[in-house]
Amino acid sequence: KDTVQAIGQHNQEILDGLLREADVAF
């Protein structure tokens, strides 16, 4: 679970940044 949660946390940070980028573009 630690490995999966680390992957998940990193992925969520990237996803959050992309969602902000999408908001700006829209």
mmCIF file of all heavy atoms, coordinates in Angstrom:
data_MODEL
# 
_entry.id   MODEL 
# 
loop_
_atom_site.group_PDB 
_atom_site.id 
_atom_site.type_symbol 
_atom_site.label_atom_id 
_atom_site.label_alt_id 
_atom_site.label_comp_id 
_atom_site.label_asym_id 
_atom_site.label_entity_id 
_atom_site.label_seq_id 
_atom_site.pdbx_PDB_ins_code 
_atom_site.Cartn_x 
_atom_site.Cartn_y 
_atom_site.Cartn_z 
_atom_site.occupancy 
_atom_site.B_iso_or_equiv 
_atom_site.pdbx_formal_charge 
_atom_site.auth_seq_id 
_atom_site.auth_comp_id 
_atom_site.auth_asym_id 
_atom_site.auth_atom_id 
_atom_site.pdbx_PDB_model_num 
ATOM 1   N N   . LYS A 1 1  ? 0.812   -1.222 0.000   1.00 0.00 ? 1  LYS A N   1 
ATOM 2   C CA  . LYS A 1 1  ? 0.000   0.000  0.000   1.00 0.00 ? 1  LYS A CA  1 
ATOM 3   C C   . LYS A 1 1  ? 0.843   1.269  0.000   1.00 0.00 ? 1  LYS A C   1 
ATOM 4   O O   . LYS A 1 1  ? 0.444   2.266  -0.585  1.00 0.00 ? 1  LYS A O   1 
ATOM 5   C CB  . LYS A 1 1  ? -0.976  -0.008 1.166   1.00 0.00 ? 1  LYS A CB  1 
ATOM 6   C CG  . LYS A 1 1  ? -0.385  0.285  2.511   1.00 0.00 ? 1  LYS A CG  1 
ATOM 7   C CD  . LYS A 1 1  ? -1.465  0.367  3.566   1.00 0.00 ? 1  LYS A CD  1 
ATOM 8   C CE  . LYS A 1 1  ? -0.856  0.912  4.843   1.00 0.00 ? 1  LYS A CE  1 
ATOM 9   N NZ  . LYS A 1 1  ? -1.837  1.169  5.854   1.00 0.00 ? 1  LYS A NZ  1 
ATOM 10  N N   . ASP A 1 2  ? 2.018   1.239  0.619   1.00 0.00 ? 2  ASP A N   1 
ATOM 11  C CA  . ASP A 1 2  ? 2.848   2.446  0.653   1.00 0.00 ? 2  ASP A CA  1 
ATOM 12  C C   . ASP A 1 2  ? 3.283   2.858  -0.750  1.00 0.00 ? 2  ASP A C   1 
ATOM 13  O O   . ASP A 1 2  ? 3.259   4.043  -1.092  1.00 0.00 ? 2  ASP A O   1 
ATOM 14  C CB  . ASP A 1 2  ? 4.069   2.235  1.551   1.00 0.00 ? 2  ASP A CB  1 
ATOM 15  C CG  . ASP A 1 2  ? 3.694   2.095  3.021   1.00 0.00 ? 2  ASP A CG  1 
ATOM 16  O OD1 . ASP A 1 2  ? 2.623   2.602  3.415   1.00 0.00 ? 2  ASP A OD1 1 
ATOM 17  O OD2 . ASP A 1 2  ? 4.476   1.471  3.774   1.00 0.00 ? 2  ASP A OD2 1 
ATOM 18  N N   . THR A 1 3  ? 3.666   1.889  -1.550  1.00 0.00 ? 3  THR A N   1 
ATOM 19  C CA  . THR A 1 3  ? 4.081   2.172  -2.921  1.00 0.00 ? 3  THR A CA  1 
ATOM 20  C C   . THR A 1 3  ? 2.911   2.723  -3.724  1.00 0.00 ? 3  THR A C   1 
ATOM 21  O O   . THR A 1 3  ? 3.038   3.726  -4.432  1.00 0.00 ? 3  THR A O   1 
ATOM 22  C CB  . THR A 1 3  ? 4.639   0.901  -3.598  1.00 0.00 ? 3  THR A CB  1 
ATOM 23  O OG1 . THR A 1 3  ? 5.738   0.419  -2.835  1.00 0.00 ? 3  THR A OG1 1 
ATOM 24  C CG2 . THR A 1 3  ? 5.078   1.176  -5.019  1.00 0.00 ? 3  THR A CG2 1 
ATOM 25  N N   . VAL A 1 4  ? 1.762   2.071  -3.609  1.00 0.00 ? 4  VAL A N   1 
ATOM 26  C CA  . VAL A 1 4  ? 0.583   2.505  -4.352  1.00 0.00 ? 4  VAL A CA  1 
ATOM 27  C C   . VAL A 1 4  ? 0.142   3.891  -3.891  1.00 0.00 ? 4  VAL A C   1 
ATOM 28  O O   . VAL A 1 4  ? -0.200  4.746  -4.712  1.00 0.00 ? 4  VAL A O   1 
ATOM 29  C CB  . VAL A 1 4  ? -0.565  1.479  -4.222  1.00 0.00 ? 4  VAL A CB  1 
ATOM 30  C CG1 . VAL A 1 4  ? -1.851  2.019  -4.823  1.00 0.00 ? 4  VAL A CG1 1 
ATOM 31  C CG2 . VAL A 1 4  ? -0.176  0.174  -4.887  1.00 0.00 ? 4  VAL A CG2 1 
ATOM 32  N N   . GLN A 1 5  ? 0.180   4.133  -2.609  1.00 0.00 ? 5  GLN A N   1 
ATOM 33  C CA  . GLN A 1 5  ? -0.229  5.444  -2.104  1.00 0.00 ? 5  GLN A CA  1 
ATOM 34  C C   . GLN A 1 5  ? 0.747   6.535  -2.542  1.00 0.00 ? 5  GLN A C   1 
ATOM 35  O O   . GLN A 1 5  ? 0.331   7.654  -2.841  1.00 0.00 ? 5  GLN A O   1 
ATOM 36  C CB  . GLN A 1 5  ? -0.391  5.411  -0.590  1.00 0.00 ? 5  GLN A CB  1 
ATOM 37  C CG  . GLN A 1 5  ? -1.640  4.665  -0.179  1.00 0.00 ? 5  GLN A CG  1 
ATOM 38  C CD  . GLN A 1 5  ? -1.831  4.579  1.325   1.00 0.00 ? 5  GLN A CD  1 
ATOM 39  O OE1 . GLN A 1 5  ? -0.871  4.481  2.092   1.00 0.00 ? 5  GLN A OE1 1 
ATOM 40  N NE2 . GLN A 1 5  ? -3.091  4.601  1.736   1.00 0.00 ? 5  GLN A NE2 1 
ATOM 41  N N   . ALA A 1 6  ? 2.037   6.218  -2.628  1.00 0.00 ? 6  ALA A N   1 
ATOM 42  C CA  . ALA A 1 6  ? 3.022   7.194  -3.111  1.00 0.00 ? 6  ALA A CA  1 
ATOM 43  C C   . ALA A 1 6  ? 2.757   7.512  -4.586  1.00 0.00 ? 6  ALA A C   1 
ATOM 44  O O   . ALA A 1 6  ? 2.798   8.681  -4.996  1.00 0.00 ? 6  ALA A O   1 
ATOM 45  C CB  . ALA A 1 6  ? 4.436   6.667  -2.923  1.00 0.00 ? 6  ALA A CB  1 
ATOM 46  N N   . ILE A 1 7  ? 2.479   6.486  -5.366  1.00 0.00 ? 7  ILE A N   1 
ATOM 47  C CA  . ILE A 1 7  ? 2.139   6.696  -6.777  1.00 0.00 ? 7  ILE A CA  1 
ATOM 48  C C   . ILE A 1 7  ? 0.870   7.538  -6.871  1.00 0.00 ? 7  ILE A C   1 
ATOM 49  O O   . ILE A 1 7  ? 0.795   8.484  -7.659  1.00 0.00 ? 7  ILE A O   1 
ATOM 50  C CB  . ILE A 1 7  ? 1.964   5.340  -7.508  1.00 0.00 ? 7  ILE A CB  1 
ATOM 51  C CG1 . ILE A 1 7  ? 3.303   4.607  -7.604  1.00 0.00 ? 7  ILE A CG1 1 
ATOM 52  C CG2 . ILE A 1 7  ? 1.345   5.545  -8.891  1.00 0.00 ? 7  ILE A CG2 1 
ATOM 53  C CD1 . ILE A 1 7  ? 3.198   3.167  -8.064  1.00 0.00 ? 7  ILE A CD1 1 
ATOM 54  N N   . GLY A 1 8  ? -0.115  7.193  -6.054  1.00 0.00 ? 8  GLY A N   1 
ATOM 55  C CA  . GLY A 1 8  ? -1.377  7.928  -6.049  1.00 0.00 ? 8  GLY A CA  1 
ATOM 56  C C   . GLY A 1 8  ? -1.209  9.380  -5.662  1.00 0.00 ? 8  GLY A C   1 
ATOM 57  O O   . GLY A 1 8  ? -1.809  10.268 -6.276  1.00 0.00 ? 8  GLY A O   1 
ATOM 58  N N   . GLN A 1 9  ? -0.385  9.644  -4.662  1.00 0.00 ? 9  GLN A N   1 
ATOM 59  C CA  . GLN A 1 9  ? -0.173  11.021 -4.215  1.00 0.00 ? 9  GLN A CA  1 
ATOM 60  C C   . GLN A 1 9  ? 0.513   11.839 -5.308  1.00 0.00 ? 9  GLN A C   1 
ATOM 61  O O   . GLN A 1 9  ? 0.106   12.961 -5.603  1.00 0.00 ? 9  GLN A O   1 
ATOM 62  C CB  . GLN A 1 9  ? 0.655   11.051 -2.934  1.00 0.00 ? 9  GLN A CB  1 
ATOM 63  C CG  . GLN A 1 9  ? 0.875   12.443 -2.391  1.00 0.00 ? 9  GLN A CG  1 
ATOM 64  C CD  . GLN A 1 9  ? 1.622   12.449 -1.073  1.00 0.00 ? 9  GLN A CD  1 
ATOM 65  O OE1 . GLN A 1 9  ? 1.911   11.412 -0.487  1.00 0.00 ? 9  GLN A OE1 1 
ATOM 66  N NE2 . GLN A 1 9  ? 1.956   13.627 -0.598  1.00 0.00 ? 9  GLN A NE2 1 
ATOM 67  N N   . HIS A 1 10 ? 1.552   11.273 -5.917  1.00 0.00 ? 10 HIS A N   1 
ATOM 68  C CA  . HIS A 1 10 ? 2.255   11.972 -6.992  1.00 0.00 ? 10 HIS A CA  1 
ATOM 69  C C   . HIS A 1 10 ? 1.313   12.221 -8.172  1.00 0.00 ? 10 HIS A C   1 
ATOM 70  O O   . HIS A 1 10 ? 1.292   13.313 -8.751  1.00 0.00 ? 10 HIS A O   1 
ATOM 71  C CB  . HIS A 1 10 ? 3.481   11.169 -7.434  1.00 0.00 ? 10 HIS A CB  1 
ATOM 72  C CG  . HIS A 1 10 ? 4.262   11.828 -8.521  1.00 0.00 ? 10 HIS A CG  1 
ATOM 73  N ND1 . HIS A 1 10 ? 4.980   12.982 -8.320  1.00 0.00 ? 10 HIS A ND1 1 
ATOM 74  C CD2 . HIS A 1 10 ? 4.405   11.513 -9.828  1.00 0.00 ? 10 HIS A CD2 1 
ATOM 75  C CE1 . HIS A 1 10 ? 5.543   13.348 -9.459  1.00 0.00 ? 10 HIS A CE1 1 
ATOM 76  N NE2 . HIS A 1 10 ? 5.208   12.460 -10.399 1.00 0.00 ? 10 HIS A NE2 1 
ATOM 77  N N   . ASN A 1 11 ? 0.532   11.207 -8.507  1.00 0.00 ? 11 ASN A N   1 
ATOM 78  C CA  . ASN A 1 11 ? -0.429  11.331 -9.597  1.00 0.00 ? 11 ASN A CA  1 
ATOM 79  C C   . ASN A 1 11 ? -1.446  12.427 -9.297  1.00 0.00 ? 11 ASN A C   1 
ATOM 80  O O   . ASN A 1 11 ? -1.794  13.216 -10.184 1.00 0.00 ? 11 ASN A O   1 
ATOM 81  C CB  . ASN A 1 11 ? -1.132  9.990  -9.822  1.00 0.00 ? 11 ASN A CB  1 
ATOM 82  C CG  . ASN A 1 11 ? -2.048  10.009 -11.009 1.00 0.00 ? 11 ASN A CG  1 
ATOM 83  O OD1 . ASN A 1 11 ? -1.599  10.042 -12.139 1.00 0.00 ? 11 ASN A OD1 1 
ATOM 84  N ND2 . ASN A 1 11 ? -3.351  10.004 -10.751 1.00 0.00 ? 11 ASN A ND2 1 
ATOM 85  N N   . GLN A 1 12 ? -1.921  12.497 -8.057  1.00 0.00 ? 12 GLN A N   1 
ATOM 86  C CA  . GLN A 1 12 ? -2.917  13.506 -7.682  1.00 0.00 ? 12 GLN A CA  1 
ATOM 87  C C   . GLN A 1 12 ? -2.341  14.915 -7.806  1.00 0.00 ? 12 GLN A C   1 
ATOM 88  O O   . GLN A 1 12 ? -3.037  15.833 -8.246  1.00 0.00 ? 12 GLN A O   1 
ATOM 89  C CB  . GLN A 1 12 ? -3.428  13.261 -6.267  1.00 0.00 ? 12 GLN A CB  1 
ATOM 90  C CG  . GLN A 1 12 ? -4.610  14.132 -5.901  1.00 0.00 ? 12 GLN A CG  1 
ATOM 91  C CD  . GLN A 1 12 ? -5.821  13.859 -6.784  1.00 0.00 ? 12 GLN A CD  1 
ATOM 92  O OE1 . GLN A 1 12 ? -6.226  12.716 -6.948  1.00 0.00 ? 12 GLN A OE1 1 
ATOM 93  N NE2 . GLN A 1 12 ? -6.396  14.901 -7.356  1.00 0.00 ? 12 GLN A NE2 1 
ATOM 94  N N   . GLU A 1 13 ? -1.067  15.079 -7.453  1.00 0.00 ? 13 GLU A N   1 
ATOM 95  C CA  . GLU A 1 13 ? -0.425  16.394 -7.588  1.00 0.00 ? 13 GLU A CA  1 
ATOM 96  C C   . GLU A 1 13 ? -0.379  16.820 -9.055  1.00 0.00 ? 13 GLU A C   1 
ATOM 97  O O   . GLU A 1 13 ? -0.673  17.974 -9.386  1.00 0.00 ? 13 GLU A O   1 
ATOM 98  C CB  . GLU A 1 13 ? 0.983   16.357 -6.998  1.00 0.00 ? 13 GLU A CB  1 
ATOM 99  C CG  . GLU A 1 13 ? 1.000   16.220 -5.494  1.00 0.00 ? 13 GLU A CG  1 
ATOM 100 C CD  . GLU A 1 13 ? 2.363   15.876 -4.922  1.00 0.00 ? 13 GLU A CD  1 
ATOM 101 O OE1 . GLU A 1 13 ? 3.352   15.814 -5.691  1.00 0.00 ? 13 GLU A OE1 1 
ATOM 102 O OE2 . GLU A 1 13 ? 2.442   15.659 -3.695  1.00 0.00 ? 13 GLU A OE2 1 
ATOM 103 N N   . ILE A 1 14 ? -0.031  15.886 -9.930  1.00 0.00 ? 14 ILE A N   1 
ATOM 104 C CA  . ILE A 1 14 ? 0.006   16.187 -11.362 1.00 0.00 ? 14 ILE A CA  1 
ATOM 105 C C   . ILE A 1 14 ? -1.403  16.489 -11.867 1.00 0.00 ? 14 ILE A C   1 
ATOM 106 O O   . ILE A 1 14 ? -1.614  17.471 -12.590 1.00 0.00 ? 14 ILE A O   1 
ATOM 107 C CB  . ILE A 1 14 ? 0.627   15.014 -12.145 1.00 0.00 ? 14 ILE A CB  1 
ATOM 108 C CG1 . ILE A 1 14 ? 2.100   14.868 -11.792 1.00 0.00 ? 14 ILE A CG1 1 
ATOM 109 C CG2 . ILE A 1 14 ? 0.441   15.212 -13.651 1.00 0.00 ? 14 ILE A CG2 1 
ATOM 110 C CD1 . ILE A 1 14 ? 2.748   13.603 -12.310 1.00 0.00 ? 14 ILE A CD1 1 
ATOM 111 N N   . LEU A 1 15 ? -2.353  15.668 -11.474 1.00 0.00 ? 15 LEU A N   1 
ATOM 112 C CA  . LEU A 1 15 ? -3.742  15.852 -11.890 1.00 0.00 ? 15 LEU A CA  1 
ATOM 113 C C   . LEU A 1 15 ? -4.280  17.201 -11.435 1.00 0.00 ? 15 LEU A C   1 
ATOM 114 O O   . LEU A 1 15 ? -4.925  17.916 -12.213 1.00 0.00 ? 15 LEU A O   1 
ATOM 115 C CB  . LEU A 1 15 ? -4.589  14.701 -11.342 1.00 0.00 ? 15 LEU A CB  1 
ATOM 116 C CG  . LEU A 1 15 ? -5.979  14.471 -11.894 1.00 0.00 ? 15 LEU A CG  1 
ATOM 117 C CD1 . LEU A 1 15 ? -5.985  14.389 -13.408 1.00 0.00 ? 15 LEU A CD1 1 
ATOM 118 C CD2 . LEU A 1 15 ? -6.564  13.199 -11.308 1.00 0.00 ? 15 LEU A CD2 1 
ATOM 119 N N   . ASP A 1 16 ? -3.995  17.580 -10.205 1.00 0.00 ? 16 ASP A N   1 
ATOM 120 C CA  . ASP A 1 16 ? -4.446  18.884 -9.700  1.00 0.00 ? 16 ASP A CA  1 
ATOM 121 C C   . ASP A 1 16 ? -3.865  20.027 -10.531 1.00 0.00 ? 16 ASP A C   1 
ATOM 122 O O   . ASP A 1 16 ? -4.562  20.993 -10.856 1.00 0.00 ? 16 ASP A O   1 
ATOM 123 C CB  . ASP A 1 16 ? -4.068  19.060 -8.231  1.00 0.00 ? 16 ASP A CB  1 
ATOM 124 C CG  . ASP A 1 16 ? -4.868  18.176 -7.297  1.00 0.00 ? 16 ASP A CG  1 
ATOM 125 O OD1 . ASP A 1 16 ? -5.915  17.638 -7.717  1.00 0.00 ? 16 ASP A OD1 1 
ATOM 126 O OD2 . ASP A 1 16 ? -4.431  17.998 -6.136  1.00 0.00 ? 16 ASP A OD2 1 
ATOM 127 N N   . GLY A 1 17 ? -2.582  19.931 -10.869 1.00 0.00 ? 17 GLY A N   1 
ATOM 128 C CA  . GLY A 1 17 ? -1.944  20.956 -11.697 1.00 0.00 ? 17 GLY A CA  1 
ATOM 129 C C   . GLY A 1 17 ? -2.573  21.040 -13.082 1.00 0.00 ? 17 GLY A C   1 
ATOM 130 O O   . GLY A 1 17 ? -2.812  22.138 -13.608 1.00 0.00 ? 17 GLY A O   1 
ATOM 131 N N   . LEU A 1 18 ? -2.847  19.883 -13.669 1.00 0.00 ? 18 LEU A N   1 
ATOM 132 C CA  . LEU A 1 18 ? -3.483  19.871 -14.987 1.00 0.00 ? 18 LEU A CA  1 
ATOM 133 C C   . LEU A 1 18 ? -4.897  20.432 -14.941 1.00 0.00 ? 18 LEU A C   1 
ATOM 134 O O   . LEU A 1 18 ? -5.325  21.139 -15.863 1.00 0.00 ? 18 LEU A O   1 
ATOM 135 C CB  . LEU A 1 18 ? -3.495  18.442 -15.553 1.00 0.00 ? 18 LEU A CB  1 
ATOM 136 C CG  . LEU A 1 18 ? -2.138  17.900 -16.000 1.00 0.00 ? 18 LEU A CG  1 
ATOM 137 C CD1 . LEU A 1 18 ? -2.235  16.421 -16.312 1.00 0.00 ? 18 LEU A CD1 1 
ATOM 138 C CD2 . LEU A 1 18 ? -1.597  18.678 -17.194 1.00 0.00 ? 18 LEU A CD2 1 
ATOM 139 N N   . LEU A 1 19 ? -5.620  20.144 -13.872 1.00 0.00 ? 19 LEU A N   1 
ATOM 140 C CA  . LEU A 1 19 ? -6.968  20.698 -13.732 1.00 0.00 ? 19 LEU A CA  1 
ATOM 141 C C   . LEU A 1 19 ? -6.921  22.216 -13.622 1.00 0.00 ? 19 LEU A C   1 
ATOM 142 O O   . LEU A 1 19 ? -7.773  22.914 -14.192 1.00 0.00 ? 19 LEU A O   1 
ATOM 143 C CB  . LEU A 1 19 ? -7.685  20.076 -12.536 1.00 0.00 ? 19 LEU A CB  1 
ATOM 144 C CG  . LEU A 1 19 ? -8.096  18.614 -12.726 1.00 0.00 ? 19 LEU A CG  1 
ATOM 145 C CD1 . LEU A 1 19 ? -8.494  17.983 -11.396 1.00 0.00 ? 19 LEU A CD1 1 
ATOM 146 C CD2 . LEU A 1 19 ? -9.216  18.493 -13.749 1.00 0.00 ? 19 LEU A CD2 1 
ATOM 147 N N   . ARG A 1 20 ? -5.912  22.744 -12.929 1.00 0.00 ? 20 ARG A N   1 
ATOM 148 C CA  . ARG A 1 20 ? -5.749  24.203 -12.861 1.00 0.00 ? 20 ARG A CA  1 
ATOM 149 C C   . ARG A 1 20 ? -5.438  24.767 -14.247 1.00 0.00 ? 20 ARG A C   1 
ATOM 150 O O   . ARG A 1 20 ? -5.978  25.804 -14.643 1.00 0.00 ? 20 ARG A O   1 
ATOM 151 C CB  . ARG A 1 20 ? -4.663  24.580 -11.856 1.00 0.00 ? 20 ARG A CB  1 
ATOM 152 C CG  . ARG A 1 20 ? -5.107  24.457 -10.406 1.00 0.00 ? 20 ARG A CG  1 
ATOM 153 C CD  . ARG A 1 20 ? -4.100  25.067 -9.435  1.00 0.00 ? 20 ARG A CD  1 
ATOM 154 N NE  . ARG A 1 20 ? -2.824  24.384 -9.437  1.00 0.00 ? 20 ARG A NE  1 
ATOM 155 C CZ  . ARG A 1 20 ? -2.536  23.291 -8.723  1.00 0.00 ? 20 ARG A CZ  1 
ATOM 156 N NH1 . ARG A 1 20 ? -3.457  22.770 -7.938  1.00 0.00 ? 20 ARG A NH1 1 
ATOM 157 N NH2 . ARG A 1 20 ? -1.332  22.744 -8.773  1.00 0.00 ? 20 ARG A NH2 1 
ATOM 158 N N   . GLU A 1 21 ? -4.563  24.074 -14.990 1.00 0.00 ? 21 GLU A N   1 
ATOM 159 C CA  . GLU A 1 21 ? -4.240  24.505 -16.359 1.00 0.00 ? 21 GLU A CA  1 
ATOM 160 C C   . GLU A 1 21 ? -5.491  24.521 -17.233 1.00 0.00 ? 21 GLU A C   1 
ATOM 161 O O   . GLU A 1 21 ? -5.690  25.442 -18.028 1.00 0.00 ? 21 GLU A O   1 
ATOM 162 C CB  . GLU A 1 21 ? -3.216  23.572 -17.002 1.00 0.00 ? 21 GLU A CB  1 
ATOM 163 C CG  . GLU A 1 21 ? -1.794  23.794 -16.580 1.00 0.00 ? 21 GLU A CG  1 
ATOM 164 C CD  . GLU A 1 21 ? -0.847  22.879 -17.352 1.00 0.00 ? 21 GLU A CD  1 
ATOM 165 O OE1 . GLU A 1 21 ? -0.920  22.838 -18.603 1.00 0.00 ? 21 GLU A OE1 1 
ATOM 166 O OE2 . GLU A 1 21 ? -0.035  22.203 -16.693 1.00 0.00 ? 21 GLU A OE2 1 
ATOM 167 N N   . ALA A 1 22 ? -6.305  23.494 -17.099 1.00 0.00 ? 22 ALA A N   1 
ATOM 168 C CA  . ALA A 1 22 ? -7.540  23.430 -17.890 1.00 0.00 ? 22 ALA A CA  1 
ATOM 169 C C   . ALA A 1 22 ? -8.466  24.583 -17.524 1.00 0.00 ? 22 ALA A C   1 
ATOM 170 O O   . ALA A 1 22 ? -9.066  25.204 -18.418 1.00 0.00 ? 22 ALA A O   1 
ATOM 171 C CB  . ALA A 1 22 ? -8.240  22.086 -17.684 1.00 0.00 ? 22 ALA A CB  1 
ATOM 172 N N   . ASP A 1 23 ? -8.584  24.881 -16.231 1.00 0.00 ? 23 ASP A N   1 
ATOM 173 C CA  . ASP A 1 23 ? -9.426  26.001 -15.797 1.00 0.00 ? 23 ASP A CA  1 
ATOM 174 C C   . ASP A 1 23 ? -8.959  27.311 -16.430 1.00 0.00 ? 23 ASP A C   1 
ATOM 175 O O   . ASP A 1 23 ? -9.778  28.096 -16.910 1.00 0.00 ? 23 ASP A O   1 
ATOM 176 C CB  . ASP A 1 23 ? -9.420  26.137 -14.269 1.00 0.00 ? 23 ASP A CB  1 
ATOM 177 C CG  . ASP A 1 23 ? -10.284 25.111 -13.572 1.00 0.00 ? 23 ASP A CG  1 
ATOM 178 O OD1 . ASP A 1 23 ? -11.136 24.492 -14.252 1.00 0.00 ? 23 ASP A OD1 1 
ATOM 179 O OD2 . ASP A 1 23 ? -10.104 24.914 -12.347 1.00 0.00 ? 23 ASP A OD2 1 
ATOM 180 N N   . VAL A 1 24 ? -7.645  27.534 -16.427 1.00 0.00 ? 24 VAL A N   1 
ATOM 181 C CA  . VAL A 1 24 ? -7.096  28.756 -17.018 1.00 0.00 ? 24 VAL A CA  1 
ATOM 182 C C   . VAL A 1 24 ? -7.409  28.798 -18.514 1.00 0.00 ? 24 VAL A C   1 
ATOM 183 O O   . VAL A 1 24 ? -7.834  29.822 -19.041 1.00 0.00 ? 24 VAL A O   1 
ATOM 184 C CB  . VAL A 1 24 ? -5.572  28.853 -16.758 1.00 0.00 ? 24 VAL A CB  1 
ATOM 185 C CG1 . VAL A 1 24 ? -4.937  29.956 -17.583 1.00 0.00 ? 24 VAL A CG1 1 
ATOM 186 C CG2 . VAL A 1 24 ? -5.301  29.063 -15.270 1.00 0.00 ? 24 VAL A CG2 1 
ATOM 187 N N   . ALA A 1 25 ? -7.197  27.683 -19.194 1.00 0.00 ? 25 ALA A N   1 
ATOM 188 C CA  . ALA A 1 25 ? -7.447  27.642 -20.641 1.00 0.00 ? 25 ALA A CA  1 
ATOM 189 C C   . ALA A 1 25 ? -8.924  27.881 -20.947 1.00 0.00 ? 25 ALA A C   1 
ATOM 190 O O   . ALA A 1 25 ? -9.254  28.649 -21.861 1.00 0.00 ? 25 ALA A O   1 
ATOM 191 C CB  . ALA A 1 25 ? -6.984  26.298 -21.211 1.00 0.00 ? 25 ALA A CB  1 
ATOM 192 N N   . PHE A 1 26 ? -9.812  27.234 -20.197 1.00 0.00 ? 26 PHE A N   1 
ATOM 193 C CA  . PHE A 1 26 ? -11.240 27.450 -20.431 1.00 0.00 ? 26 PHE A CA  1 
ATOM 194 C C   . PHE A 1 26 ? -11.629 28.895 -20.134 1.00 0.00 ? 26 PHE A C   1 
ATOM 195 O O   . PHE A 1 26 ? -12.409 29.492 -20.866 1.00 0.00 ? 26 PHE A O   1 
ATOM 196 C CB  . PHE A 1 26 ? -12.097 26.490 -19.597 1.00 0.00 ? 26 PHE A CB  1 
ATOM 197 C CG  . PHE A 1 26 ? -12.197 25.104 -20.175 1.00 0.00 ? 26 PHE A CG  1 
ATOM 198 C CD1 . PHE A 1 26 ? -11.758 24.012 -19.447 1.00 0.00 ? 26 PHE A CD1 1 
ATOM 199 C CD2 . PHE A 1 26 ? -12.744 24.891 -21.436 1.00 0.00 ? 26 PHE A CD2 1 
ATOM 200 C CE1 . PHE A 1 26 ? -11.857 22.728 -19.967 1.00 0.00 ? 26 PHE A CE1 1 
ATOM 201 C CE2 . PHE A 1 26 ? -12.852 23.617 -21.964 1.00 0.00 ? 26 PHE A CE2 1 
ATOM 202 C CZ  . PHE A 1 26 ? -12.405 22.521 -21.236 1.00 0.00 ? 26 PHE A CZ  1 
# 
